[in-house]
Amino acid sequence: MSAKKGAVVAGVAVVVVPVALLFSVGGKEEEVPTAGAAGLDAKQIPGEYLTWVQKAGKICPLITGPVIAAQIEAESGWNPKAASPVGAQGISQFMPSTWKSVGVDAASKNGDPRPDGIADPFTPGDAIMTQGKYDCDLAKGIQKRLKAGTIKGDPLSLTLAAYNAGTGAVERYGGIPPYVETQGYVKKILALASKYTLATDDGGATGFAGRVISEATRWKGVPYSWGGGTVEGPGYGFGKGAGVRGFDCSSLVQFAVYHASGGKIMLPRTSQMQATKGKEISPSGMKPGDVIAYALNGAGNYDHIGIYMGAGKMVHAPKPGDVVKISDINNGYYQSKPKTIRRFG
């Protein structure tokens, strides 16, 4: 049961503004890309709700269409008349007390995509747009706490945890609360979001491969941090990465594969170990979504790793002082290095 349903908190007044996700790098605030190459797989969405899911997924960068769709499936199974035993109502399952504070009028009961003067939780357009605004307000609160250093973790996972258990619980535990229900909810939504995600990369990858690419490319522009990053998102590293919040090459790959698989595939933390996992693929058989490990300083020591996107491109976290970006692997430097290609999923 989600917090908005009254499990932990209910009837919280929400003031929503579109927000960009920011984090501080050396005292300078930079926007963190969150949508990346991910797109909504329209074929997975019931036609009458597609426009509303698309609109709700554009309110703020973190809460994408696939996230909105995943929550709807988990909450009501796409039933606009759903009513739970505890009183939650509609396709997005709002409790009346919460709806009174946050409900918006976006559509008419008869399906007309224009406001009719009534905010109704049983009107899909009203409910889905309210859901998007509610999620984005939670995301804004989570981002403030990440910047203040009172919590740590992946912004999306933390936002989903706040949706289920309340922002207060997330702050109290400094991250995702140790509640079985909340941890299960976060994993479930992330897994379902992958189901509703369609990648739009140069290689035309879809399915698991497309999700791997999307999960990596959404972090373009995030700093390289030696030893930084986990499956929960960017993190502070050590040594060369001390004081820098971001990813190194292997943590970016670990994050992408973990989330693309809905948490089912946890790769080792180092590129050397990652290069021994999965199915080995010949260079001629390489496809978008495959992982490429390079021995930059001698055969047998795979000290760099990235994700192939197709068309000779790779998304990776290159080195200290750089950022997550897309590079050409057909240039002389990468072509000359020993490599192994692995496939997961």
Protein backbone atom coordinates (compact mmCIF):
# COMPACT_ATOMS: atom_id res chain seq x y z
CA MET A 1 0.00 0.00 0.00
CA SER A 2 1.49 3.33 -1.04
CA ALA A 3 1.92 6.29 1.27
CA LYS A 4 -0.61 8.23 -0.78
CA LYS A 5 -3.11 5.54 0.13
CA GLY A 6 -2.66 6.24 3.80
CA ALA A 7 -0.20 3.49 4.81
CA VAL A 8 2.29 5.94 6.33
CA VAL A 9 1.23 9.45 5.41
CA ALA A 10 -1.92 10.74 3.80
CA GLY A 11 -3.55 13.97 2.68
CA VAL A 12 -0.26 15.79 2.21
CA ALA A 13 -0.70 19.10 0.46
CA VAL A 14 1.43 19.28 -2.66
CA VAL A 15 2.61 22.28 -4.60
CA VAL A 16 4.02 21.12 -7.91
CA VAL A 17 6.39 22.84 -10.30
CA PRO A 18 8.31 21.20 -13.13
CA VAL A 19 11.82 20.48 -11.90
CA ALA A 20 15.18 19.56 -13.37
CA LEU A 21 17.32 17.20 -11.35
CA LEU A 22 20.51 18.81 -10.12
CA PHE A 23 23.52 17.72 -8.16
CA SER A 24 26.57 19.57 -7.03
CA VAL A 25 29.98 19.00 -8.57
CA GLY A 26 32.74 21.01 -6.96
CA GLY A 27 30.21 23.53 -5.74
CA LYS A 28 28.68 23.93 -9.20
CA GLU A 29 25.16 22.70 -9.83
CA GLU A 30 24.74 20.67 -12.99
CA GLU A 31 21.66 19.11 -14.50
CA VAL A 32 21.55 15.34 -14.40
CA PRO A 33 19.96 13.78 -17.49
CA THR A 34 17.37 11.22 -16.42
CA ALA A 35 15.38 10.26 -19.48
CA GLY A 36 18.26 9.52 -21.84
CA ALA A 37 17.40 7.48 -24.90
CA ALA A 38 14.50 5.78 -23.17
CA GLY A 39 11.07 6.14 -24.73
CA LEU A 40 7.60 4.86 -24.00
CA ASP A 41 6.63 1.64 -25.77
CA ALA A 42 3.18 2.73 -26.97
CA LYS A 43 2.22 -0.84 -27.87
CA GLN A 44 2.21 -1.75 -24.19
CA ILE A 45 -0.23 1.01 -23.18
CA PRO A 46 -4.03 0.68 -23.54
CA GLY A 47 -4.86 3.11 -26.33
CA GLU A 48 -7.34 5.22 -24.38
CA TYR A 49 -4.68 6.07 -21.78
CA LEU A 50 -1.63 6.58 -24.01
CA THR A 51 -1.94 10.36 -24.38
CA TRP A 52 -2.30 10.85 -20.63
CA VAL A 53 0.69 8.62 -19.81
CA GLN A 54 2.76 10.55 -22.33
CA LYS A 55 1.72 13.90 -20.85
CA ALA A 56 2.27 12.80 -17.26
CA GLY A 57 5.70 11.50 -18.23
CA LYS A 58 6.79 14.95 -19.36
CA ILE A 59 6.05 16.91 -16.19
CA CYS A 60 9.58 16.46 -14.82
CA PRO A 61 12.69 14.65 -16.13
CA LEU A 62 12.87 11.86 -13.55
CA ILE A 63 9.30 10.59 -13.82
CA THR A 64 9.11 9.22 -17.35
CA GLY A 65 6.21 7.63 -19.17
CA PRO A 66 7.46 4.09 -18.42
CA VAL A 67 7.51 4.90 -14.69
CA ILE A 68 3.95 6.25 -14.82
CA ALA A 69 2.79 3.15 -16.70
CA ALA A 70 4.57 0.82 -14.28
CA GLN A 71 2.86 2.42 -11.30
CA ILE A 72 -0.56 2.19 -12.93
CA GLU A 73 -0.10 -1.50 -13.65
CA ALA A 74 1.03 -2.13 -10.08
CA GLU A 75 -1.72 -0.01 -8.53
CA SER A 76 -4.85 -0.92 -10.52
CA GLY A 77 -3.95 -3.10 -13.49
CA TRP A 78 -5.24 -0.29 -15.75
CA ASN A 79 -8.74 -0.45 -14.23
CA PRO A 80 -10.22 3.10 -14.12
CA LYS A 81 -12.98 1.94 -11.77
CA ALA A 82 -10.70 0.19 -9.29
CA ALA A 83 -11.61 0.60 -5.62
CA SER A 84 -9.46 -1.04 -2.96
CA PRO A 85 -10.70 -2.45 0.38
CA VAL A 86 -9.05 0.47 2.21
CA GLY A 87 -10.77 3.06 0.00
CA ALA A 88 -8.21 3.90 -2.71
CA GLN A 89 -9.94 5.00 -5.90
CA GLY A 90 -9.43 4.94 -9.64
CA ILE A 91 -6.74 3.94 -12.08
CA SER A 92 -4.01 5.56 -9.96
CA GLN A 93 -5.50 4.51 -6.60
CA PHE A 94 -5.65 7.73 -4.59
CA MET A 95 -7.16 7.85 -1.12
CA PRO A 96 -9.95 10.46 -0.89
CA SER A 97 -8.04 12.51 1.72
CA THR A 98 -4.97 12.72 -0.50
CA TRP A 99 -7.00 13.38 -3.62
CA LYS A 100 -8.67 16.32 -1.92
CA SER A 101 -5.25 17.93 -1.53
CA VAL A 102 -3.59 17.03 -4.83
CA GLY A 103 -6.29 16.16 -7.39
CA VAL A 104 -6.27 18.09 -10.67
CA ASP A 105 -8.92 18.54 -13.35
CA ALA A 106 -7.41 17.55 -16.69
CA ALA A 107 -10.20 15.80 -18.58
CA SER A 108 -13.93 15.16 -18.77
CA LYS A 109 -15.68 12.05 -17.54
CA ASN A 110 -16.88 11.28 -21.06
CA GLY A 111 -13.31 11.04 -22.35
CA ASP A 112 -13.09 14.56 -23.75
CA PRO A 113 -9.45 15.66 -23.24
CA ARG A 114 -10.52 18.99 -21.75
CA PRO A 115 -11.20 19.96 -18.14
CA ASP A 116 -14.84 19.75 -17.06
CA GLY A 117 -14.51 21.64 -13.79
CA ILE A 118 -14.37 18.52 -11.63
CA ALA A 119 -11.24 16.76 -10.36
CA ASP A 120 -12.35 13.13 -10.27
CA PRO A 121 -10.09 10.17 -9.31
CA PHE A 122 -12.26 7.90 -11.46
CA THR A 123 -11.60 10.04 -14.56
CA PRO A 124 -8.40 8.54 -16.05
CA GLY A 125 -7.07 11.83 -17.40
CA ASP A 126 -7.47 13.54 -14.04
CA ALA A 127 -5.96 10.64 -12.13
CA ILE A 128 -2.94 10.05 -14.37
CA MET A 129 -2.01 13.74 -14.52
CA THR A 130 -2.37 14.00 -10.75
CA GLN A 131 -0.15 10.94 -10.40
CA GLY A 132 2.55 12.57 -12.52
CA LYS A 133 2.41 15.81 -10.54
CA TYR A 134 2.44 13.96 -7.23
CA ASP A 135 5.46 11.89 -8.30
CA CYS A 136 7.32 14.97 -9.47
CA ASP A 137 6.71 16.77 -6.19
CA LEU A 138 8.19 13.79 -4.36
CA ALA A 139 11.15 13.84 -6.76
CA LYS A 140 11.72 17.51 -5.97
CA GLY A 141 11.77 16.79 -2.24
CA ILE A 142 14.14 13.85 -2.71
CA GLN A 143 16.51 15.98 -4.78
CA LYS A 144 16.66 18.65 -2.09
CA ARG A 145 17.64 16.02 0.46
CA LEU A 146 20.25 14.50 -1.88
CA LYS A 147 21.82 17.93 -2.30
CA ALA A 148 21.76 18.47 1.45
CA GLY A 149 23.41 15.08 1.98
CA THR A 150 20.71 13.77 4.33
CA ILE A 151 19.98 10.81 2.05
CA LYS A 152 21.95 8.80 -0.51
CA GLY A 153 21.02 6.65 -3.47
CA ASP A 154 19.48 6.65 -6.93
CA PRO A 155 16.98 9.53 -7.24
CA LEU A 156 14.32 7.42 -8.95
CA SER A 157 14.55 4.56 -6.45
CA LEU A 158 14.37 7.02 -3.58
CA THR A 159 11.36 8.76 -5.11
CA LEU A 160 9.55 5.45 -5.47
CA ALA A 161 10.42 4.62 -1.87
CA ALA A 162 8.98 7.98 -0.79
CA TYR A 163 5.83 7.25 -2.81
CA ASN A 164 5.39 4.00 -0.89
CA ALA A 165 6.64 4.83 2.61
CA GLY A 166 6.72 8.61 2.74
CA THR A 167 9.56 11.08 2.36
CA GLY A 168 9.96 11.21 6.13
CA ALA A 169 10.81 7.51 6.27
CA VAL A 170 13.37 7.90 3.47
CA GLU A 171 15.05 10.75 5.34
CA ARG A 172 14.90 8.92 8.65
CA TYR A 173 16.85 5.98 7.24
CA GLY A 174 19.09 8.04 4.95
CA GLY A 175 17.86 6.12 1.90
CA ILE A 176 15.38 3.39 1.00
CA PRO A 177 13.76 2.28 4.29
CA PRO A 178 14.36 -1.33 5.40
CA TYR A 179 10.70 -2.17 4.97
CA VAL A 180 10.05 -5.37 3.01
CA GLU A 181 7.02 -3.80 1.34
CA THR A 182 8.86 -0.64 0.30
CA GLN A 183 11.93 -2.44 -1.01
CA GLY A 184 9.68 -4.82 -2.93
CA TYR A 185 7.68 -1.92 -4.36
CA VAL A 186 10.81 -0.14 -5.64
CA LYS A 187 12.09 -3.31 -7.35
CA LYS A 188 8.66 -4.05 -8.83
CA ILE A 189 8.21 -0.60 -10.36
CA LEU A 190 11.74 -0.54 -11.79
CA ALA A 191 11.15 -3.95 -13.35
CA LEU A 192 7.77 -2.96 -14.78
CA ALA A 193 9.23 0.31 -16.11
CA SER A 194 11.62 -1.76 -18.20
CA LYS A 195 8.61 -3.53 -19.70
CA TYR A 196 7.19 -0.19 -20.87
CA THR A 197 10.51 1.19 -22.15
CA LEU A 198 11.40 1.39 -25.83
CA ALA A 199 14.96 2.45 -26.64
CA THR A 200 15.65 4.80 -29.54
CA ASP A 201 19.39 4.41 -30.03
CA ASP A 202 21.36 4.35 -33.30
CA GLY A 203 21.43 0.56 -33.32
CA GLY A 204 17.66 0.29 -33.09
CA ALA A 205 17.93 -1.95 -30.04
CA THR A 206 14.79 -2.92 -28.19
CA GLY A 207 14.00 -5.33 -25.38
CA PHE A 208 16.73 -6.06 -22.84
CA ALA A 209 19.53 -4.68 -25.06
CA GLY A 210 17.67 -1.42 -25.56
CA ARG A 211 17.03 -1.10 -21.85
CA VAL A 212 20.73 -1.59 -21.06
CA ILE A 213 21.59 1.25 -23.45
CA SER A 214 18.83 3.48 -22.10
CA GLU A 215 19.86 2.95 -18.48
CA ALA A 216 23.42 3.98 -19.32
CA THR A 217 22.73 6.89 -21.66
CA ARG A 218 20.36 8.57 -19.23
CA TRP A 219 23.44 9.48 -17.19
CA LYS A 220 25.25 11.31 -20.00
CA GLY A 221 27.12 14.29 -18.61
CA VAL A 222 27.52 12.83 -15.11
CA PRO A 223 31.17 13.04 -13.94
CA TYR A 224 33.56 10.13 -13.88
CA SER A 225 34.33 9.17 -10.28
CA TRP A 226 37.03 6.62 -9.53
CA GLY A 227 35.34 3.99 -7.33
CA GLY A 228 32.08 5.95 -7.38
CA GLY A 229 28.60 4.74 -8.24
CA THR A 230 26.51 1.69 -7.39
CA VAL A 231 23.30 0.10 -8.63
CA GLU A 232 21.56 2.85 -6.65
CA GLY A 233 23.06 5.55 -8.87
CA PRO A 234 25.96 8.02 -8.85
CA GLY A 235 28.11 8.00 -5.73
CA TYR A 236 31.27 9.47 -4.26
CA GLY A 237 34.45 7.59 -5.07
CA PHE A 238 37.83 7.35 -3.36
CA GLY A 239 41.39 8.24 -4.28
CA LYS A 240 41.07 10.07 -7.60
CA GLY A 241 37.32 10.03 -7.16
CA ALA A 242 37.18 11.47 -3.67
CA GLY A 243 34.79 14.41 -3.59
CA VAL A 244 33.33 13.58 -7.02
CA ARG A 245 29.83 12.14 -7.29
CA GLY A 246 29.38 10.03 -10.38
CA PHE A 247 30.22 6.68 -11.99
CA ASP A 248 33.35 4.89 -13.07
CA CYS A 249 33.27 2.60 -16.08
CA SER A 250 32.33 -0.61 -14.29
CA SER A 251 29.72 0.90 -11.96
CA LEU A 252 27.94 2.42 -14.97
CA VAL A 253 27.80 -1.01 -16.65
CA GLN A 254 26.73 -2.64 -13.39
CA PHE A 255 23.92 -0.07 -12.95
CA ALA A 256 22.68 -0.42 -16.54
CA VAL A 257 22.55 -4.21 -16.58
CA TYR A 258 21.02 -4.41 -13.10
CA HIS A 259 18.16 -2.05 -13.90
CA ALA A 260 17.62 -3.37 -17.43
CA SER A 261 17.09 -6.80 -15.89
CA GLY A 262 14.75 -5.52 -13.20
CA GLY A 263 17.36 -6.29 -10.54
CA LYS A 264 17.87 -9.89 -11.63
CA ILE A 265 21.45 -9.53 -12.91
CA MET A 266 24.02 -8.16 -10.47
CA LEU A 267 27.42 -7.96 -12.14
CA PRO A 268 30.67 -7.87 -10.16
CA ARG A 269 31.94 -4.39 -9.35
CA THR A 270 35.18 -4.39 -11.39
CA SER A 271 35.68 -4.38 -15.16
CA GLN A 272 38.14 -7.27 -14.85
CA MET A 273 35.48 -9.47 -13.25
CA GLN A 274 32.67 -8.22 -15.50
CA ALA A 275 34.75 -9.29 -18.49
CA THR A 276 34.44 -12.92 -17.36
CA LYS A 277 30.64 -12.98 -17.03
CA GLY A 278 27.83 -13.42 -19.52
CA LYS A 279 28.20 -15.03 -22.92
CA GLU A 280 31.35 -14.32 -24.92
CA ILE A 281 30.59 -12.89 -28.37
CA SER A 282 32.90 -12.62 -31.37
CA PRO A 283 33.59 -9.10 -32.68
CA SER A 284 31.75 -9.95 -35.89
CA GLY A 285 28.66 -10.92 -33.90
CA MET A 286 28.55 -7.85 -31.67
CA LYS A 287 25.13 -6.22 -31.33
CA PRO A 288 23.76 -3.12 -29.55
CA GLY A 289 23.49 -3.76 -25.83
CA ASP A 290 26.60 -5.95 -25.67
CA VAL A 291 29.30 -5.01 -23.16
CA ILE A 292 32.85 -4.38 -24.41
CA ALA A 293 35.80 -4.77 -22.04
CA TYR A 294 39.15 -3.35 -23.13
CA ALA A 295 42.67 -4.16 -21.96
CA LEU A 296 44.04 -0.66 -22.33
CA ASN A 297 47.35 -1.41 -20.63
CA GLY A 298 48.10 -4.91 -21.76
CA ALA A 299 46.37 -8.16 -22.72
CA GLY A 300 44.58 -9.98 -19.92
CA ASN A 301 43.95 -6.94 -17.73
CA TYR A 302 40.55 -5.59 -18.69
CA ASP A 303 40.70 -2.17 -17.12
CA HIS A 304 37.95 -0.40 -19.07
CA ILE A 305 34.42 -1.36 -20.03
CA GLY A 306 31.47 0.17 -21.86
CA ILE A 307 28.21 -0.62 -23.64
CA TYR A 308 27.95 -0.92 -27.42
CA MET A 309 25.16 1.18 -28.94
CA GLY A 310 25.48 0.21 -32.57
CA ALA A 311 26.85 2.25 -35.49
CA GLY A 312 30.35 2.06 -34.00
CA LYS A 313 29.38 3.91 -30.82
CA MET A 314 29.86 3.08 -27.15
CA VAL A 315 28.43 4.72 -24.02
CA HIS A 316 30.92 4.68 -21.16
CA ALA A 317 32.53 6.55 -18.29
CA PRO A 318 36.04 7.12 -19.74
CA LYS A 319 38.43 8.51 -17.14
CA PRO A 320 38.97 11.01 -14.29
CA GLY A 321 38.12 14.53 -15.35
CA ASP A 322 35.71 13.30 -18.01
CA VAL A 323 31.97 12.51 -18.00
CA VAL A 324 29.67 9.71 -19.08
CA LYS A 325 29.48 10.07 -22.84
CA ILE A 326 29.22 8.36 -26.21
CA SER A 327 32.47 7.63 -28.06
CA ASP A 328 33.51 6.18 -31.41
CA ILE A 329 35.08 2.73 -31.00
CA ASN A 330 36.28 2.65 -34.59
CA ASN A 331 39.02 5.18 -33.97
CA GLY A 332 42.62 4.07 -33.84
CA TYR A 333 42.87 4.06 -30.04
CA TYR A 334 40.11 1.59 -29.24
CA GLN A 335 40.62 -0.48 -32.38
CA SER A 336 44.20 -1.21 -31.36
CA LYS A 337 43.35 -2.50 -27.88
CA PRO A 338 42.65 -6.15 -26.94
CA LYS A 339 38.99 -6.63 -26.04
CA THR A 340 36.36 -9.14 -25.05
CA ILE A 341 32.65 -8.79 -25.76
CA ARG A 342 30.03 -10.12 -23.38
CA ARG A 343 26.27 -10.48 -23.71
CA PHE A 344 23.76 -10.55 -20.87
CA GLY A 345 20.02 -11.05 -20.58
